[in-house]
Amino acid sequence: MQSNSPFFLEMIHDLLVTLVYTSCVEGAVPISAVLVADSGTAKSKVLKQVNGNDGIHLTDSFSSQGLFQLMQADPTNKIRFIVMPDLNPTLSRQQKTVTATVANLLTLTMDGTCRIDDGRQEKLLQHKPIGLLSGVTPDIFKTQSKRWFSLGLTRRIIPLFYEYTSETERKLLDIVSEGKITSSDFPPLKIELNGSHAPHIAHGESKVIEGLGIQFGVNLGMAKSKDSSGTVKWFVRKIVPVSPVVILRTLAQANAIRYGRGRVSDADITFLTRFLGFTNPAQPRQI
């Protein structure tokens, strides 16, 4: 599958496509993610490529009511993923609105529950769990990260951190000057999400995934704090490793489904190591 995007974005494209395929893993909840990177790093362009399928809904923004109406209009559960290229507008609203929206995202990505309170009565709707793919700038993510962790949202919507290297920035300027990149969107991908599958995970691969899950849990628990002298330091909040391991197992199976394999192989384990490289907030992946 060709992404038709610049070579230095291929790693991002690779992550997003496999994430979408988590909706095809039998008995699993789709894995959601948010790209955390500075403005101008093509988050929106790459995310907009993940379109062109009945199971993927592309939107600019949403609220709790908007989510409820979207799920209400999908009684056959066709929608498997929501792609919102820029999460900043949604997270920049009044705190009450943001809190309600984030709470709905948590339940919708966990068990498919969506609710609104219209002032007269609370309305509850049940949908199959869906995934979310979005992008946000580091500053906005920082303002939300503590609340997201306390709600457990960082284990439901995985933050993926990356930065451009100086070399990439120079190459990007060259490509732009040659007219190879314009303000137009990259061509959308045609992703086939057919049925549910359960690629086998052998004992050996399972043990490797467990080991990777420990590091993944550490990365998900990392946060900044200031000591008595005002120096900013990183520390790790404890996360029980069960959830990280489940996420990685689902990702490994999704990658196998993407490439038509009936069992998880070394190639899928290699994908997991690439994925982990984007999950450390203290060391964003350099591309």
Protein backbone atom coordinates (compact mmCIF):
# COMPACT_ATOMS: atom_id res chain seq x y z
CA MET A 1 0.00 0.00 0.00
CA GLN A 2 1.60 3.25 -1.14
CA SER A 3 1.07 6.26 1.12
CA ASN A 4 2.06 8.89 -1.50
CA SER A 5 3.44 10.97 1.35
CA PRO A 6 7.06 12.14 1.89
CA PHE A 7 9.51 9.39 2.85
CA PHE A 8 10.13 10.78 6.33
CA LEU A 9 6.43 10.35 7.16
CA GLU A 10 6.34 6.68 6.19
CA MET A 11 6.85 5.59 9.80
CA ILE A 12 3.83 7.65 10.92
CA HIS A 13 1.76 6.28 8.06
CA ASP A 14 2.79 2.73 9.01
CA LEU A 15 1.62 3.19 12.61
CA LEU A 16 -1.74 4.68 11.64
CA VAL A 17 -2.66 1.96 9.15
CA THR A 18 -1.93 -0.86 11.60
CA LEU A 19 -3.86 1.00 14.31
CA VAL A 20 -6.91 1.02 12.03
CA TYR A 21 -6.57 -2.73 11.54
CA THR A 22 -6.97 -3.24 15.30
CA SER A 23 -10.70 -2.92 14.57
CA CYS A 24 -10.41 -6.26 12.72
CA VAL A 25 -8.97 -8.21 15.67
CA GLU A 26 -11.57 -10.64 16.95
CA GLY A 27 -12.73 -9.88 20.49
CA ALA A 28 -10.48 -6.82 20.81
CA VAL A 29 -11.22 -3.14 21.37
CA PRO A 30 -9.79 -0.87 18.63
CA ILE A 31 -6.60 0.89 19.74
CA SER A 32 -6.81 4.68 19.60
CA ALA A 33 -3.91 7.12 19.32
CA VAL A 34 -3.13 10.81 19.16
CA LEU A 35 -0.06 12.20 17.37
CA VAL A 36 1.72 14.71 19.60
CA ALA A 37 4.00 16.99 17.58
CA ASP A 38 4.58 20.65 16.82
CA SER A 39 2.50 22.58 14.31
CA GLY A 40 3.77 22.15 10.77
CA THR A 41 4.81 18.50 11.19
CA ALA A 42 2.08 17.18 8.84
CA LYS A 43 -0.07 15.54 11.53
CA SER A 44 -3.30 16.57 9.84
CA LYS A 45 -2.18 15.65 6.33
CA VAL A 46 -1.16 12.13 7.29
CA LEU A 47 -4.29 11.58 9.37
CA LYS A 48 -6.53 12.72 6.51
CA GLN A 49 -5.05 9.94 4.39
CA VAL A 50 -6.69 7.38 6.68
CA ASN A 51 -10.02 7.72 4.95
CA GLY A 52 -11.94 6.23 2.03
CA ASN A 53 -13.65 3.43 3.93
CA ASP A 54 -17.21 3.10 5.25
CA GLY A 55 -15.80 2.12 8.63
CA ILE A 56 -13.78 5.34 9.01
CA HIS A 57 -15.49 8.64 9.77
CA LEU A 58 -13.48 11.82 9.11
CA THR A 59 -14.46 14.94 11.06
CA ASP A 60 -12.99 18.35 11.92
CA SER A 61 -14.34 18.55 15.47
CA PHE A 62 -16.98 17.12 17.76
CA SER A 63 -18.75 17.50 21.08
CA SER A 64 -20.57 15.02 23.33
CA GLN A 65 -23.79 15.73 21.48
CA GLY A 66 -22.05 15.34 18.13
CA LEU A 67 -20.62 11.97 19.18
CA PHE A 68 -24.04 10.84 20.38
CA GLN A 69 -25.71 11.85 17.11
CA LEU A 70 -22.99 10.15 15.06
CA MET A 71 -23.40 6.87 16.92
CA GLN A 72 -27.20 7.20 16.81
CA ALA A 73 -27.04 7.50 13.02
CA ASP A 74 -25.04 4.25 12.80
CA PRO A 75 -27.40 1.51 14.08
CA THR A 76 -25.54 -1.21 12.13
CA ASN A 77 -22.19 -0.34 13.76
CA LYS A 78 -20.40 0.34 10.48
CA ILE A 79 -18.17 3.02 12.01
CA ARG A 80 -15.03 1.49 13.50
CA PHE A 81 -12.82 4.59 13.71
CA ILE A 82 -13.21 8.33 13.98
CA VAL A 83 -10.37 10.34 12.44
CA MET A 84 -10.09 13.94 13.61
CA PRO A 85 -6.94 15.53 12.17
CA ASP A 86 -6.74 18.28 14.81
CA LEU A 87 -7.82 17.73 18.40
CA ASN A 88 -6.77 21.23 19.49
CA PRO A 89 -10.13 22.96 18.75
CA THR A 90 -12.07 20.36 20.73
CA LEU A 91 -9.70 20.61 23.72
CA SER A 92 -9.68 24.43 23.64
CA ARG A 93 -13.36 24.84 24.51
CA GLN A 94 -14.80 25.60 27.94
CA GLN A 95 -13.57 23.14 30.55
CA LYS A 96 -17.06 21.80 31.25
CA THR A 97 -17.52 20.98 27.55
CA VAL A 98 -14.04 19.43 27.29
CA THR A 99 -14.65 17.27 30.38
CA ALA A 100 -17.93 15.92 28.99
CA THR A 101 -16.39 15.21 25.59
CA VAL A 102 -13.33 13.46 27.06
CA ALA A 103 -15.55 11.35 29.33
CA ASN A 104 -17.58 10.23 26.32
CA LEU A 105 -14.41 9.44 24.38
CA LEU A 106 -13.25 7.27 27.27
CA THR A 107 -16.42 5.17 27.41
CA LEU A 108 -16.90 5.08 23.64
CA THR A 109 -13.39 3.73 23.07
CA MET A 110 -13.68 1.35 26.02
CA ASP A 111 -17.10 -0.29 25.74
CA GLY A 112 -19.03 1.69 23.11
CA THR A 113 -21.18 3.63 25.60
CA CYS A 114 -22.15 7.18 24.65
CA ARG A 115 -24.32 9.51 26.74
CA ILE A 116 -25.56 13.09 26.79
CA ASP A 117 -27.56 15.15 29.25
CA ASP A 118 -29.83 17.55 27.35
CA GLY A 119 -31.04 19.24 30.53
CA ARG A 120 -34.24 17.21 30.72
CA GLN A 121 -32.93 13.68 30.89
CA GLU A 122 -29.76 11.71 30.38
CA LYS A 123 -29.69 9.74 27.15
CA LEU A 124 -27.65 6.58 26.83
CA LEU A 125 -26.68 4.81 23.61
CA GLN A 126 -24.75 1.59 23.05
CA HIS A 127 -22.47 1.15 20.03
CA LYS A 128 -19.60 -1.21 19.36
CA PRO A 129 -16.36 0.25 20.75
CA ILE A 130 -14.66 2.53 18.24
CA GLY A 131 -11.16 3.86 17.81
CA LEU A 132 -9.98 7.45 17.51
CA LEU A 133 -7.03 8.83 15.57
CA SER A 134 -6.14 12.47 16.03
CA GLY A 135 -3.34 14.98 16.42
CA VAL A 136 -2.50 17.62 19.01
CA THR A 137 0.34 20.04 19.74
CA PRO A 138 2.60 19.41 22.76
CA ASP A 139 1.35 22.52 24.60
CA ILE A 140 -2.30 21.50 24.42
CA PHE A 141 -1.43 17.91 25.32
CA LYS A 142 0.52 19.13 28.35
CA THR A 143 -2.52 21.00 29.69
CA GLN A 144 -4.62 17.82 29.44
CA SER A 145 -2.13 15.07 30.27
CA LYS A 146 -2.63 15.00 34.07
CA ARG A 147 -6.41 14.78 33.71
CA TRP A 148 -6.09 12.17 30.94
CA PHE A 149 -3.90 10.00 33.15
CA SER A 150 -6.26 10.22 36.14
CA LEU A 151 -9.16 9.19 33.87
CA GLY A 152 -7.18 6.34 32.35
CA LEU A 153 -7.44 7.94 28.93
CA THR A 154 -3.73 7.56 28.14
CA ARG A 155 -4.29 3.78 28.14
CA ARG A 156 -7.21 4.18 25.74
CA ILE A 157 -5.89 6.90 23.43
CA ILE A 158 -2.15 6.32 23.18
CA PRO A 159 -0.02 9.48 22.76
CA LEU A 160 2.61 9.08 20.05
CA PHE A 161 5.41 11.66 20.20
CA TYR A 162 7.67 12.71 17.34
CA GLU A 163 9.86 15.58 16.17
CA TYR A 164 11.58 16.50 12.93
CA THR A 165 15.37 16.35 12.91
CA SER A 166 17.33 19.28 11.47
CA GLU A 167 18.19 17.09 8.48
CA THR A 168 14.51 16.35 7.83
CA GLU A 169 13.68 20.04 8.03
CA ARG A 170 16.35 20.80 5.43
CA LYS A 171 15.10 18.03 3.14
CA LEU A 172 11.54 19.24 3.62
CA LEU A 173 12.51 22.75 2.49
CA ASP A 174 14.16 21.26 -0.60
CA ILE A 175 11.04 19.24 -1.43
CA VAL A 176 8.80 22.28 -1.00
CA SER A 177 11.05 24.44 -3.17
CA GLU A 178 10.84 21.77 -5.89
CA GLY A 179 7.05 21.92 -5.76
CA LYS A 180 6.72 18.32 -4.59
CA ILE A 181 4.68 19.35 -1.53
CA THR A 182 1.84 21.84 -1.71
CA SER A 183 -1.00 22.90 0.58
CA SER A 184 -3.17 20.16 -0.92
CA ASP A 185 -3.89 17.02 1.09
CA PHE A 186 -2.06 13.79 0.39
CA PRO A 187 -4.16 11.26 -1.60
CA PRO A 188 -6.44 9.18 0.67
CA LEU A 189 -5.72 5.52 1.25
CA LYS A 190 -8.15 2.74 0.48
CA ILE A 191 -8.09 0.51 3.55
CA GLU A 192 -10.13 -2.69 3.45
CA LEU A 193 -11.56 -3.55 6.87
CA ASN A 194 -13.18 -6.92 6.31
CA GLY A 195 -14.48 -9.14 9.09
CA SER A 196 -12.79 -10.16 12.32
CA HIS A 197 -9.71 -12.35 12.61
CA ALA A 198 -7.59 -13.81 15.42
CA PRO A 199 -4.01 -14.46 14.29
CA HIS A 200 -2.31 -16.99 16.56
CA ILE A 201 0.32 -15.75 19.02
CA ALA A 202 2.78 -18.54 19.85
CA HIS A 203 4.35 -18.89 23.30
CA GLY A 204 7.69 -17.40 22.23
CA GLU A 205 6.16 -14.30 20.70
CA SER A 206 3.84 -13.97 23.69
CA LYS A 207 6.76 -13.82 26.11
CA VAL A 208 8.52 -11.19 23.98
CA ILE A 209 5.35 -9.08 23.97
CA GLU A 210 5.13 -9.35 27.76
CA GLY A 211 8.66 -7.97 28.02
CA LEU A 212 7.85 -5.10 25.67
CA GLY A 213 4.71 -4.42 27.71
CA ILE A 214 6.80 -3.59 30.78
CA GLN A 215 8.63 -0.83 28.88
CA PHE A 216 5.37 0.33 27.34
CA GLY A 217 3.84 0.69 30.81
CA VAL A 218 6.82 2.77 31.94
CA ASN A 219 6.45 5.07 28.92
CA LEU A 220 2.71 5.51 29.49
CA GLY A 221 3.36 6.43 33.13
CA MET A 222 6.01 9.08 32.51
CA ALA A 223 5.29 12.64 33.63
CA LYS A 224 7.11 15.86 34.51
CA SER A 225 7.41 17.46 37.93
CA LYS A 226 9.44 20.22 39.59
CA ASP A 227 11.61 19.59 42.63
CA SER A 228 12.09 22.04 45.49
CA SER A 229 14.68 23.99 43.47
CA GLY A 230 12.32 24.36 40.52
CA THR A 231 14.20 21.89 38.33
CA VAL A 232 11.95 19.93 35.98
CA LYS A 233 12.42 16.18 36.20
CA TRP A 234 10.72 13.13 34.74
CA PHE A 235 9.16 10.51 37.01
CA VAL A 236 7.12 7.36 36.36
CA ARG A 237 3.59 6.86 37.69
CA LYS A 238 2.83 3.20 38.27
CA ILE A 239 0.72 1.42 35.65
CA VAL A 240 -0.25 -2.22 36.09
CA PRO A 241 1.32 -3.90 33.01
CA VAL A 242 -1.78 -5.94 32.05
CA SER A 243 -3.33 -3.19 29.91
CA PRO A 244 -0.08 -2.35 28.03
CA VAL A 245 0.46 -6.03 27.20
CA VAL A 246 -3.12 -6.41 25.93
CA ILE A 247 -2.64 -3.35 23.70
CA LEU A 248 0.60 -4.72 22.24
CA ARG A 249 -0.94 -8.15 21.61
CA THR A 250 -3.80 -6.49 19.73
CA LEU A 251 -1.36 -4.39 17.69
CA ALA A 252 0.73 -7.44 16.80
CA GLN A 253 -2.38 -9.29 15.62
CA ALA A 254 -3.57 -6.23 13.69
CA ASN A 255 -0.25 -5.99 11.87
CA ALA A 256 -0.50 -9.68 10.98
CA ILE A 257 -4.04 -9.13 9.63
CA ARG A 258 -2.85 -6.15 7.61
CA TYR A 259 -0.34 -8.36 5.80
CA GLY A 260 -2.58 -11.42 5.52
CA ARG A 261 -0.80 -13.60 8.08
CA GLY A 262 -2.61 -16.16 10.22
CA ARG A 263 -0.08 -15.95 13.05
CA VAL A 264 2.04 -13.28 14.65
CA SER A 265 5.59 -13.35 13.27
CA ASP A 266 8.93 -11.63 13.88
CA ALA A 267 7.83 -8.87 11.49
CA ASP A 268 4.93 -8.02 13.80
CA ILE A 269 7.23 -7.97 16.85
CA THR A 270 9.50 -5.60 14.93
CA PHE A 271 6.49 -3.36 14.31
CA LEU A 272 5.86 -3.26 18.07
CA THR A 273 9.41 -2.07 18.75
CA ARG A 274 8.89 0.73 16.20
CA PHE A 275 5.61 1.62 17.87
CA LEU A 276 7.25 1.79 21.31
CA GLY A 277 9.78 4.24 19.92
CA PHE A 278 6.96 6.80 19.64
CA THR A 279 5.56 6.35 23.16
CA ASN A 280 8.28 7.95 25.32
CA PRO A 281 7.34 11.60 26.06
CA ALA A 282 10.84 12.32 27.40
CA GLN A 283 12.40 11.26 24.07
CA PRO A 284 10.05 11.94 21.13
CA ARG A 285 10.86 9.85 18.07
CA GLN A 286 13.20 11.73 15.77
CA ILE A 287 12.20 11.43 12.12
